[in-house]
Amino acid sequence: MTDRREKTSKFLSYVLRHRPDEIGLTLDPHGWASVGELIDKARASNVSLSEELIREIVRTNDKQRFALSTDGTKIRANQGHSIKVELALAPRQPPEFLFHGTATRFFDSIRKEGLKPMPRQHVHLSTDEATATKVAQRHGKPVIVKVKAAEMWRAGREFFLSENGVWLTERVEMMYLEIPG
């Protein structure tokens, strides 16, 4: 990803997942923003966007963090919000196990309290250890926690699958975790 696309992707993540108010952007209850309004508000904040650049980032983002509406007039983040949005995802039965990657510095808290969404709306889970490791490496030395997702599902816990393949759940209690070492 070019430096400009990477900076723009980080900007989009910031305003669409965490701080739309920072540029005066309005999201609907499902997290969608008007592409035109986003371009205008970004310009007023000295960030240059175009419809073409936004489409390119949505198409090429390796983590598929963003989605465009079918008519291309709206954009939203697929998951990872620290602000309240209703993604309108239907509950889905997860696979037997899912994985969560974290850094060693957060491990003691997880051992005591399980997995919590912290500032985000959901705990993010991966279908494979390699993806969880890649996510964890951004935060320090990685630790991978195995989640007994099917057992949680059978106990009535809800799971959602975001458009980019990330599994989401409200929290994971210790009894559903397999902790290394």
N, C-alpha and C. Protein backbone atom coordinates (compact mmCIF):
# COMPACT_ATOMS: atom_id res chain seq x y z
N MET A 1 0.86 -1.18 0.00
CA MET A 1 0.00 0.00 0.00
C MET A 1 0.90 1.23 0.00
N THR A 2 0.58 2.19 -0.86
CA THR A 2 1.39 3.40 -0.91
C THR A 2 1.22 4.20 0.37
N ASP A 3 2.17 5.08 0.63
CA ASP A 3 2.14 5.90 1.83
C ASP A 3 0.84 6.73 1.91
N ARG A 4 0.42 7.29 0.77
CA ARG A 4 -0.81 8.10 0.76
C ARG A 4 -2.03 7.24 1.08
N ARG A 5 -2.11 6.07 0.47
CA ARG A 5 -3.25 5.19 0.73
C ARG A 5 -3.25 4.72 2.18
N GLU A 6 -2.06 4.42 2.71
CA GLU A 6 -1.97 3.98 4.10
C GLU A 6 -2.42 5.08 5.05
N LYS A 7 -1.96 6.30 4.82
CA LYS A 7 -2.39 7.43 5.67
C LYS A 7 -3.89 7.66 5.56
N THR A 8 -4.39 7.56 4.35
CA THR A 8 -5.83 7.77 4.14
C THR A 8 -6.63 6.66 4.81
N SER A 9 -6.16 5.43 4.72
CA SER A 9 -6.83 4.31 5.37
C SER A 9 -6.87 4.50 6.88
N LYS A 10 -5.78 4.96 7.46
CA LYS A 10 -5.75 5.22 8.90
C LYS A 10 -6.71 6.35 9.26
N PHE A 11 -6.77 7.37 8.43
CA PHE A 11 -7.71 8.47 8.66
C PHE A 11 -9.14 7.95 8.62
N LEU A 12 -9.46 7.14 7.60
CA LEU A 12 -10.81 6.58 7.49
C LEU A 12 -11.15 5.71 8.70
N SER A 13 -10.21 4.89 9.14
CA SER A 13 -10.44 4.07 10.33
C SER A 13 -10.74 4.94 11.53
N TYR A 14 -9.97 5.98 11.69
CA TYR A 14 -10.15 6.87 12.84
C TYR A 14 -11.53 7.52 12.84
N VAL A 15 -11.90 8.13 11.72
CA VAL A 15 -13.18 8.86 11.72
C VAL A 15 -14.39 7.95 11.61
N LEU A 16 -14.29 6.81 10.92
CA LEU A 16 -15.45 5.93 10.76
C LEU A 16 -15.63 4.96 11.92
N ARG A 17 -14.57 4.71 12.68
CA ARG A 17 -14.66 3.76 13.80
C ARG A 17 -14.68 4.43 15.16
N HIS A 18 -14.05 5.60 15.25
CA HIS A 18 -13.84 6.16 16.58
C HIS A 18 -14.30 7.62 16.75
N ARG A 19 -13.96 8.48 15.82
CA ARG A 19 -14.17 9.90 16.06
C ARG A 19 -14.73 10.67 14.85
N PRO A 20 -15.92 10.35 14.39
CA PRO A 20 -16.49 11.14 13.28
C PRO A 20 -16.68 12.60 13.67
N ASP A 21 -16.92 12.83 14.96
CA ASP A 21 -17.13 14.19 15.46
C ASP A 21 -15.88 15.07 15.29
N GLU A 22 -14.73 14.44 15.21
CA GLU A 22 -13.47 15.19 15.08
C GLU A 22 -13.47 16.06 13.81
N ILE A 23 -14.17 15.59 12.78
CA ILE A 23 -14.25 16.39 11.55
C ILE A 23 -15.68 16.87 11.29
N GLY A 24 -16.58 16.62 12.25
CA GLY A 24 -17.97 17.06 12.09
C GLY A 24 -18.79 16.14 11.19
N LEU A 25 -18.35 14.89 11.05
CA LEU A 25 -19.02 13.92 10.19
C LEU A 25 -20.18 13.27 10.95
N THR A 26 -21.27 13.03 10.26
CA THR A 26 -22.42 12.36 10.85
C THR A 26 -22.53 10.94 10.30
N LEU A 27 -22.62 9.98 11.22
CA LEU A 27 -22.86 8.59 10.84
C LEU A 27 -24.32 8.27 11.14
N ASP A 28 -24.93 7.42 10.30
CA ASP A 28 -26.29 6.99 10.63
C ASP A 28 -26.19 5.91 11.73
N PRO A 29 -27.31 5.43 12.26
CA PRO A 29 -27.25 4.45 13.35
C PRO A 29 -26.51 3.16 13.00
N HIS A 30 -26.34 2.87 11.71
CA HIS A 30 -25.65 1.66 11.28
C HIS A 30 -24.19 1.93 10.91
N GLY A 31 -23.71 3.13 11.17
CA GLY A 31 -22.31 3.46 10.93
C GLY A 31 -22.00 3.98 9.55
N TRP A 32 -23.01 4.17 8.71
CA TRP A 32 -22.79 4.66 7.35
C TRP A 32 -22.64 6.18 7.33
N ALA A 33 -21.73 6.65 6.49
CA ALA A 33 -21.53 8.08 6.26
C ALA A 33 -21.66 8.35 4.76
N SER A 34 -22.16 9.50 4.43
CA SER A 34 -22.21 9.92 3.03
C SER A 34 -20.78 10.14 2.53
N VAL A 35 -20.46 9.54 1.39
CA VAL A 35 -19.12 9.73 0.81
C VAL A 35 -18.89 11.20 0.51
N GLY A 36 -19.90 11.88 -0.03
CA GLY A 36 -19.76 13.31 -0.33
C GLY A 36 -19.49 14.14 0.91
N GLU A 37 -20.23 13.86 1.98
CA GLU A 37 -20.02 14.59 3.24
C GLU A 37 -18.64 14.29 3.80
N LEU A 38 -18.21 13.02 3.72
CA LEU A 38 -16.88 12.65 4.20
C LEU A 38 -15.81 13.43 3.45
N ILE A 39 -15.92 13.52 2.14
CA ILE A 39 -14.94 14.26 1.34
C ILE A 39 -14.93 15.73 1.73
N ASP A 40 -16.12 16.32 1.87
CA ASP A 40 -16.21 17.74 2.25
C ASP A 40 -15.64 18.00 3.64
N LYS A 41 -16.02 17.18 4.61
CA LYS A 41 -15.55 17.37 5.99
C LYS A 41 -14.06 17.11 6.11
N ALA A 42 -13.56 16.13 5.36
CA ALA A 42 -12.12 15.87 5.37
C ALA A 42 -11.36 17.06 4.79
N ARG A 43 -11.87 17.61 3.68
CA ARG A 43 -11.22 18.77 3.06
C ARG A 43 -11.14 19.93 4.05
N ALA A 44 -12.22 20.15 4.80
CA ALA A 44 -12.23 21.23 5.79
C ALA A 44 -11.22 20.97 6.91
N SER A 45 -10.80 19.71 7.06
CA SER A 45 -9.78 19.35 8.06
C SER A 45 -8.42 19.13 7.41
N ASN A 46 -8.25 19.65 6.19
CA ASN A 46 -6.99 19.57 5.45
C ASN A 46 -6.57 18.15 5.07
N VAL A 47 -7.56 17.30 4.82
CA VAL A 47 -7.29 15.95 4.32
C VAL A 47 -7.95 15.85 2.95
N SER A 48 -7.15 15.52 1.96
CA SER A 48 -7.64 15.47 0.59
C SER A 48 -8.14 14.06 0.26
N LEU A 49 -9.44 13.95 -0.02
CA LEU A 49 -10.06 12.68 -0.43
C LEU A 49 -10.77 12.88 -1.75
N SER A 50 -10.96 11.80 -2.45
CA SER A 50 -11.77 11.81 -3.66
C SER A 50 -12.57 10.50 -3.68
N GLU A 51 -13.61 10.45 -4.47
CA GLU A 51 -14.39 9.21 -4.59
C GLU A 51 -13.50 8.08 -5.11
N GLU A 52 -12.62 8.40 -6.05
CA GLU A 52 -11.75 7.38 -6.63
C GLU A 52 -10.79 6.81 -5.57
N LEU A 53 -10.20 7.68 -4.76
CA LEU A 53 -9.28 7.23 -3.71
C LEU A 53 -10.02 6.37 -2.68
N ILE A 54 -11.20 6.79 -2.30
CA ILE A 54 -12.00 6.02 -1.33
C ILE A 54 -12.33 4.63 -1.90
N ARG A 55 -12.78 4.58 -3.15
CA ARG A 55 -13.09 3.28 -3.77
C ARG A 55 -11.84 2.39 -3.82
N GLU A 56 -10.70 2.98 -4.16
CA GLU A 56 -9.46 2.22 -4.23
C GLU A 56 -9.09 1.64 -2.86
N ILE A 57 -9.22 2.43 -1.81
CA ILE A 57 -8.89 1.96 -0.46
C ILE A 57 -9.85 0.86 -0.03
N VAL A 58 -11.14 1.03 -0.29
CA VAL A 58 -12.11 -0.01 0.06
C VAL A 58 -11.75 -1.30 -0.68
N ARG A 59 -11.40 -1.21 -1.94
CA ARG A 59 -11.11 -2.37 -2.76
C ARG A 59 -9.79 -3.05 -2.38
N THR A 60 -8.77 -2.27 -2.01
CA THR A 60 -7.43 -2.83 -1.82
C THR A 60 -7.00 -3.01 -0.37
N ASN A 61 -7.78 -2.54 0.59
CA ASN A 61 -7.38 -2.67 2.00
C ASN A 61 -7.23 -4.15 2.35
N ASP A 62 -6.05 -4.53 2.80
CA ASP A 62 -5.77 -5.95 3.05
C ASP A 62 -6.67 -6.56 4.12
N LYS A 63 -7.17 -5.75 5.03
CA LYS A 63 -8.05 -6.27 6.07
C LYS A 63 -9.53 -6.02 5.77
N GLN A 64 -9.79 -5.46 4.60
CA GLN A 64 -11.18 -5.18 4.19
C GLN A 64 -11.95 -4.49 5.31
N ARG A 65 -11.36 -3.42 5.82
CA ARG A 65 -11.94 -2.69 6.96
C ARG A 65 -13.20 -1.90 6.61
N PHE A 66 -13.39 -1.59 5.33
CA PHE A 66 -14.47 -0.69 4.93
C PHE A 66 -15.38 -1.34 3.91
N ALA A 67 -16.60 -0.80 3.86
CA ALA A 67 -17.57 -1.24 2.85
C ALA A 67 -18.24 -0.02 2.25
N LEU A 68 -18.55 -0.12 0.98
CA LEU A 68 -19.35 0.91 0.31
C LEU A 68 -20.76 0.36 0.12
N SER A 69 -21.74 1.23 0.19
CA SER A 69 -23.11 0.82 -0.10
C SER A 69 -23.19 0.38 -1.56
N THR A 70 -24.23 -0.35 -1.90
CA THR A 70 -24.33 -0.88 -3.26
C THR A 70 -24.34 0.22 -4.31
N ASP A 71 -24.87 1.39 -3.97
CA ASP A 71 -24.87 2.49 -4.94
C ASP A 71 -23.61 3.36 -4.85
N GLY A 72 -22.70 3.04 -3.90
CA GLY A 72 -21.43 3.75 -3.78
C GLY A 72 -21.51 5.12 -3.14
N THR A 73 -22.66 5.48 -2.58
CA THR A 73 -22.80 6.82 -2.01
C THR A 73 -22.50 6.87 -0.52
N LYS A 74 -22.37 5.70 0.12
CA LYS A 74 -22.10 5.66 1.56
C LYS A 74 -20.94 4.71 1.84
N ILE A 75 -20.26 4.97 2.95
CA ILE A 75 -19.14 4.15 3.39
C ILE A 75 -19.28 3.92 4.88
N ARG A 76 -18.78 2.76 5.34
CA ARG A 76 -18.69 2.50 6.78
C ARG A 76 -17.54 1.55 7.06
N ALA A 77 -17.14 1.52 8.32
CA ALA A 77 -16.17 0.53 8.78
C ALA A 77 -16.93 -0.76 9.05
N ASN A 78 -16.32 -1.89 8.71
CA ASN A 78 -16.99 -3.18 8.89
C ASN A 78 -17.09 -3.62 10.34
N GLN A 79 -16.14 -3.23 11.16
CA GLN A 79 -16.15 -3.54 12.58
C GLN A 79 -15.06 -2.73 13.25
N GLY A 80 -14.94 -2.86 14.57
CA GLY A 80 -13.87 -2.17 15.29
C GLY A 80 -14.28 -0.84 15.88
N HIS A 81 -15.56 -0.57 15.94
CA HIS A 81 -16.04 0.72 16.43
C HIS A 81 -15.88 0.86 17.95
N SER A 82 -15.46 2.03 18.36
CA SER A 82 -15.50 2.37 19.78
C SER A 82 -16.69 3.28 20.07
N ILE A 83 -17.39 3.67 19.02
CA ILE A 83 -18.62 4.44 19.16
C ILE A 83 -19.79 3.50 18.92
N LYS A 84 -20.95 3.85 19.43
CA LYS A 84 -22.11 2.97 19.31
C LYS A 84 -22.67 3.02 17.90
N VAL A 85 -22.63 1.88 17.23
CA VAL A 85 -23.30 1.71 15.94
C VAL A 85 -23.95 0.33 15.93
N GLU A 86 -25.03 0.21 15.20
CA GLU A 86 -25.71 -1.07 15.04
C GLU A 86 -25.38 -1.58 13.64
N LEU A 87 -24.48 -2.55 13.57
CA LEU A 87 -24.03 -3.06 12.28
C LEU A 87 -25.09 -3.89 11.56
N ALA A 88 -26.18 -4.20 12.25
CA ALA A 88 -27.29 -4.96 11.67
C ALA A 88 -26.83 -6.32 11.14
N LEU A 89 -25.97 -6.95 11.90
CA LEU A 89 -25.51 -8.30 11.55
C LEU A 89 -26.39 -9.32 12.26
N ALA A 90 -26.77 -10.35 11.56
CA ALA A 90 -27.57 -11.41 12.15
C ALA A 90 -26.66 -12.35 12.93
N PRO A 91 -27.12 -12.86 14.07
CA PRO A 91 -26.31 -13.84 14.79
C PRO A 91 -26.01 -15.05 13.89
N ARG A 92 -24.78 -15.56 14.03
CA ARG A 92 -24.34 -16.70 13.22
C ARG A 92 -23.68 -17.73 14.11
N GLN A 93 -23.88 -18.97 13.79
CA GLN A 93 -23.22 -20.04 14.53
C GLN A 93 -21.74 -20.06 14.16
N PRO A 94 -20.87 -19.94 15.16
CA PRO A 94 -19.43 -19.92 14.87
C PRO A 94 -18.87 -21.33 14.70
N PRO A 95 -17.63 -21.42 14.23
CA PRO A 95 -16.97 -22.72 14.18
C PRO A 95 -16.68 -23.20 15.61
N GLU A 96 -16.20 -24.41 15.73
CA GLU A 96 -15.91 -24.98 17.05
C GLU A 96 -15.00 -24.08 17.87
N PHE A 97 -13.92 -23.59 17.24
CA PHE A 97 -12.96 -22.75 17.95
C PHE A 97 -12.68 -21.49 17.13
N LEU A 98 -12.42 -20.41 17.84
CA LEU A 98 -11.95 -19.16 17.25
C LEU A 98 -10.72 -18.74 18.05
N PHE A 99 -9.99 -17.75 17.54
CA PHE A 99 -8.75 -17.34 18.17
C PHE A 99 -8.71 -15.83 18.37
N HIS A 100 -8.05 -15.45 19.45
CA HIS A 100 -7.87 -14.03 19.75
C HIS A 100 -6.39 -13.78 19.98
N GLY A 101 -5.84 -12.84 19.24
CA GLY A 101 -4.44 -12.48 19.40
C GLY A 101 -4.32 -11.25 20.27
N THR A 102 -3.41 -11.31 21.22
CA THR A 102 -3.18 -10.18 22.10
C THR A 102 -1.68 -10.09 22.40
N ALA A 103 -1.30 -9.05 23.09
CA ALA A 103 0.10 -8.88 23.48
C ALA A 103 0.29 -9.38 24.90
N THR A 104 1.50 -9.81 25.22
CA THR A 104 1.79 -10.36 26.54
C THR A 104 1.43 -9.38 27.66
N ARG A 105 1.54 -8.09 27.41
CA ARG A 105 1.27 -7.12 28.47
C ARG A 105 -0.21 -7.09 28.89
N PHE A 106 -1.10 -7.63 28.05
CA PHE A 106 -2.52 -7.68 28.39
C PHE A 106 -2.94 -9.04 28.96
N PHE A 107 -2.01 -9.96 28.99
CA PHE A 107 -2.34 -11.34 29.30
C PHE A 107 -2.82 -11.55 30.74
N ASP A 108 -2.22 -10.85 31.71
CA ASP A 108 -2.65 -11.02 33.11
C ASP A 108 -4.11 -10.61 33.29
N SER A 109 -4.51 -9.54 32.65
CA SER A 109 -5.89 -9.09 32.72
C SER A 109 -6.84 -10.13 32.12
N ILE A 110 -6.45 -10.71 31.00
CA ILE A 110 -7.27 -11.73 30.35
C ILE A 110 -7.40 -12.96 31.25
N ARG A 111 -6.33 -13.35 31.90
CA ARG A 111 -6.37 -14.50 32.81
C ARG A 111 -7.36 -14.28 33.95
N LYS A 112 -7.53 -13.03 34.36
CA LYS A 112 -8.43 -12.70 35.47
C LYS A 112 -9.87 -12.47 35.02
N GLU A 113 -10.04 -11.79 33.88
CA GLU A 113 -11.37 -11.30 33.50
C GLU A 113 -11.91 -11.86 32.18
N GLY A 114 -11.14 -12.68 31.49
CA GLY A 114 -11.56 -13.14 30.19
C GLY A 114 -11.33 -12.05 29.15
N LEU A 115 -11.97 -12.19 28.00
CA LEU A 115 -11.82 -11.20 26.93
C LEU A 115 -12.97 -10.22 26.98
N LYS A 116 -12.62 -8.95 27.05
CA LYS A 116 -13.61 -7.88 27.05
C LYS A 116 -13.36 -6.98 25.84
N PRO A 117 -14.37 -6.29 25.37
CA PRO A 117 -14.18 -5.46 24.18
C PRO A 117 -13.34 -4.20 24.43
N MET A 118 -13.10 -3.89 25.67
CA MET A 118 -12.36 -2.68 26.05
C MET A 118 -13.06 -1.47 25.44
N PRO A 119 -12.37 -0.60 24.68
CA PRO A 119 -13.12 0.57 24.20
C PRO A 119 -14.01 0.26 22.99
N ARG A 120 -13.92 -0.93 22.45
CA ARG A 120 -14.70 -1.27 21.26
C ARG A 120 -16.03 -1.91 21.65
N GLN A 121 -16.89 -2.10 20.69
CA GLN A 121 -18.19 -2.70 20.95
C GLN A 121 -18.14 -4.21 21.11
N HIS A 122 -17.19 -4.86 20.45
CA HIS A 122 -17.12 -6.30 20.45
C HIS A 122 -15.69 -6.79 20.63
N VAL A 123 -15.58 -8.03 21.09
CA VAL A 123 -14.31 -8.75 21.06
C VAL A 123 -14.15 -9.27 19.63
N HIS A 124 -12.96 -9.13 19.06
CA HIS A 124 -12.68 -9.57 17.69
C HIS A 124 -11.97 -10.91 17.72
N LEU A 125 -12.48 -11.84 16.91
CA LEU A 125 -11.93 -13.19 16.88
C LEU A 125 -11.64 -13.62 15.45
N SER A 126 -10.65 -14.47 15.30
CA SER A 126 -10.22 -14.97 13.99
C SER A 126 -10.50 -16.46 13.88
N THR A 127 -10.61 -16.94 12.65
CA THR A 127 -10.84 -18.36 12.44
C THR A 127 -9.54 -19.17 12.48
N ASP A 128 -8.39 -18.49 12.45
CA ASP A 128 -7.13 -19.22 12.44
C ASP A 128 -6.08 -18.50 13.28
N GLU A 129 -5.14 -19.27 13.76
CA GLU A 129 -4.09 -18.73 14.63
C GLU A 129 -3.17 -17.76 13.90
N ALA A 130 -2.93 -17.99 12.62
CA ALA A 130 -2.02 -17.12 11.87
C ALA A 130 -2.56 -15.69 11.81
N THR A 131 -3.85 -15.54 11.56
CA THR A 131 -4.44 -14.20 11.53
C THR A 131 -4.39 -13.57 12.91
N ALA A 132 -4.72 -14.34 13.94
CA ALA A 132 -4.68 -13.82 15.31
C ALA A 132 -3.27 -13.38 15.68
N THR A 133 -2.28 -14.13 15.24
CA THR A 133 -0.88 -13.76 15.51
C THR A 133 -0.52 -12.46 14.82
N LYS A 134 -0.93 -12.32 13.58
CA LYS A 134 -0.64 -11.09 12.82
C LYS A 134 -1.25 -9.87 13.51
N VAL A 135 -2.48 -10.01 13.98
CA VAL A 135 -3.15 -8.92 14.70
C VAL A 135 -2.39 -8.60 15.99
N ALA A 136 -2.02 -9.62 16.74
CA ALA A 136 -1.35 -9.43 18.03
C ALA A 136 0.01 -8.78 17.89
N GLN A 137 0.72 -9.08 16.82
CA GLN A 137 2.07 -8.55 16.63
C GLN A 137 2.11 -7.03 16.54
N ARG A 138 0.98 -6.42 16.18
CA ARG A 138 0.94 -4.95 16.12
C ARG A 138 1.04 -4.33 17.50
N HIS A 139 0.77 -5.12 18.54
CA HIS A 139 0.69 -4.59 19.90
C HIS A 139 1.83 -5.04 20.81
N GLY A 140 2.74 -5.84 20.29
CA GLY A 140 3.86 -6.35 21.09
C GLY A 140 4.06 -7.83 20.85
N LYS A 141 4.70 -8.47 21.82
CA LYS A 141 4.94 -9.92 21.71
C LYS A 141 3.58 -10.63 21.77
N PRO A 142 3.28 -11.46 20.73
CA PRO A 142 1.94 -12.04 20.64
C PRO A 142 1.70 -13.24 21.56
N VAL A 143 0.45 -13.32 22.00
CA VAL A 143 -0.07 -14.48 22.72
C VAL A 143 -1.40 -14.80 22.06
N ILE A 144 -1.64 -16.07 21.78
CA ILE A 144 -2.88 -16.48 21.12
C ILE A 144 -3.74 -17.26 22.11
N VAL A 145 -4.98 -16.84 22.24
CA VAL A 145 -5.94 -17.48 23.13
C VAL A 145 -6.97 -18.21 22.27
N LYS A 146 -7.24 -19.46 22.60
CA LYS A 146 -8.22 -20.25 21.88
C LYS A 146 -9.58 -20.10 22.58
N VAL A 147 -10.61 -19.81 21.79
CA VAL A 147 -11.95 -19.58 22.32
C VAL A 147 -12.85 -20.76 21.94
N LYS A 148 -13.53 -21.29 22.92
CA LYS A 148 -14.47 -22.40 22.70
C LYS A 148 -15.79 -21.81 22.20
N ALA A 149 -15.77 -21.39 20.96
CA ALA A 149 -16.88 -20.63 20.39
C ALA A 149 -18.17 -21.45 20.29
N ALA A 150 -18.09 -22.68 19.83
CA ALA A 150 -19.30 -23.50 19.69
C ALA A 150 -19.94 -23.75 21.05
N GLU A 151 -19.11 -23.96 22.06
CA GLU A 151 -19.63 -24.15 23.42
C GLU A 151 -20.35 -22.89 23.90
N MET A 152 -19.76 -21.74 23.63
CA MET A 152 -20.41 -20.47 23.98
C MET A 152 -21.75 -20.34 23.27
N TRP A 153 -21.77 -20.67 21.99
CA TRP A 153 -22.99 -20.59 21.17
C TRP A 153 -24.09 -21.47 21.77
N ARG A 154 -23.70 -22.70 22.13
CA ARG A 154 -24.67 -23.63 22.72
C ARG A 154 -25.20 -23.11 24.05
N ALA A 155 -24.41 -22.29 24.74
CA ALA A 155 -24.82 -21.71 26.02
C ALA A 155 -25.64 -20.42 25.83
N GLY A 156 -25.88 -20.05 24.57
CA GLY A 156 -26.73 -18.90 24.31
C GLY A 156 -26.02 -17.59 24.01
N ARG A 157 -24.69 -17.63 23.89
CA ARG A 157 -23.95 -16.41 23.56
C ARG A 157 -24.06 -16.14 22.06
N GLU A 158 -24.18 -14.90 21.70
CA GLU A 158 -24.31 -14.54 20.28
C GLU A 158 -22.95 -14.24 19.66
N PHE A 159 -22.84 -14.62 18.40
CA PHE A 159 -21.69 -14.31 17.56
C PHE A 159 -22.19 -13.68 16.28
N PHE A 160 -21.37 -12.81 15.72
CA PHE A 160 -21.69 -12.14 14.46
C PHE A 160 -20.47 -12.23 13.57
N LEU A 161 -20.70 -12.33 12.28
CA LEU A 161 -19.60 -12.38 11.32
C LEU A 161 -19.64 -11.10 10.50
N SER A 162 -18.61 -10.27 10.66
CA SER A 162 -18.57 -9.00 9.92
C SER A 162 -18.32 -9.26 8.44
N GLU A 163 -18.54 -8.26 7.64
CA GLU A 163 -18.39 -8.41 6.19
C GLU A 163 -16.99 -8.80 5.76
N ASN A 164 -16.00 -8.49 6.62
CA ASN A 164 -14.63 -8.82 6.26
C ASN A 164 -14.11 -10.08 6.95
N GLY A 165 -15.03 -10.90 7.49
CA GLY A 165 -14.65 -12.20 8.02
C GLY A 165 -14.17 -12.22 9.46
N VAL A 166 -14.30 -11.11 10.18
CA VAL A 166 -13.94 -11.08 11.60
C VAL A 166 -15.17 -11.49 12.41
N TRP A 167 -14.96 -12.43 13.32
CA TRP A 167 -16.04 -12.85 14.21
C TRP A 167 -16.11 -11.90 15.39
N LEU A 168 -17.31 -11.55 15.79
CA LEU A 168 -17.54 -10.59 16.86
C LEU A 168 -18.43 -11.21 17.93
N THR A 169 -18.13 -10.91 19.18
CA THR A 169 -19.00 -11.30 20.29
C THR A 169 -18.84 -10.26 21.39
N GLU A 170 -19.81 -10.25 22.30
CA GLU A 170 -19.82 -9.21 23.33
C GLU A 170 -18.65 -9.34 24.30
N ARG A 171 -18.38 -10.56 24.77
CA ARG A 171 -17.25 -10.83 25.65
C ARG A 171 -17.05 -12.32 25.73
N VAL A 172 -15.92 -12.75 26.28
CA VAL A 172 -15.63 -14.19 26.43
C VAL A 172 -15.18 -14.42 27.87
N GLU A 173 -16.00 -15.14 28.62
CA GLU A 173 -15.67 -15.46 30.00
C GLU A 173 -14.53 -16.48 30.04
N MET A 174 -13.81 -16.52 31.15
CA MET A 174 -12.66 -17.42 31.31
C MET A 174 -13.01 -18.88 31.03
N MET A 175 -14.21 -19.31 31.41
CA MET A 175 -14.55 -20.72 31.23
C MET A 175 -14.55 -21.16 29.77
N TYR A 176 -14.56 -20.19 28.84
CA TYR A 176 -14.56 -20.51 27.40
C TYR A 176 -13.21 -20.28 26.75
N LEU A 177 -12.18 -20.08 27.55
CA LEU A 177 -10.85 -19.82 27.01
C LEU A 177 -9.90 -20.97 27.27
N GLU A 178 -9.06 -21.24 26.29
CA GLU A 178 -7.91 -22.14 26.48
C GLU A 178 -6.69 -21.24 26.42
N ILE A 179 -6.05 -21.09 27.56
CA ILE A 179 -4.94 -20.15 27.70
C ILE A 179 -3.62 -20.91 27.63
N PRO A 180 -2.68 -20.44 26.80
CA PRO A 180 -1.38 -21.12 26.72
C PRO A 180 -0.57 -20.98 28.01
N GLY A 181 0.29 -21.95 28.24
CA GLY A 181 1.25 -21.92 29.34
C GLY A 181 0.61 -21.77 30.64
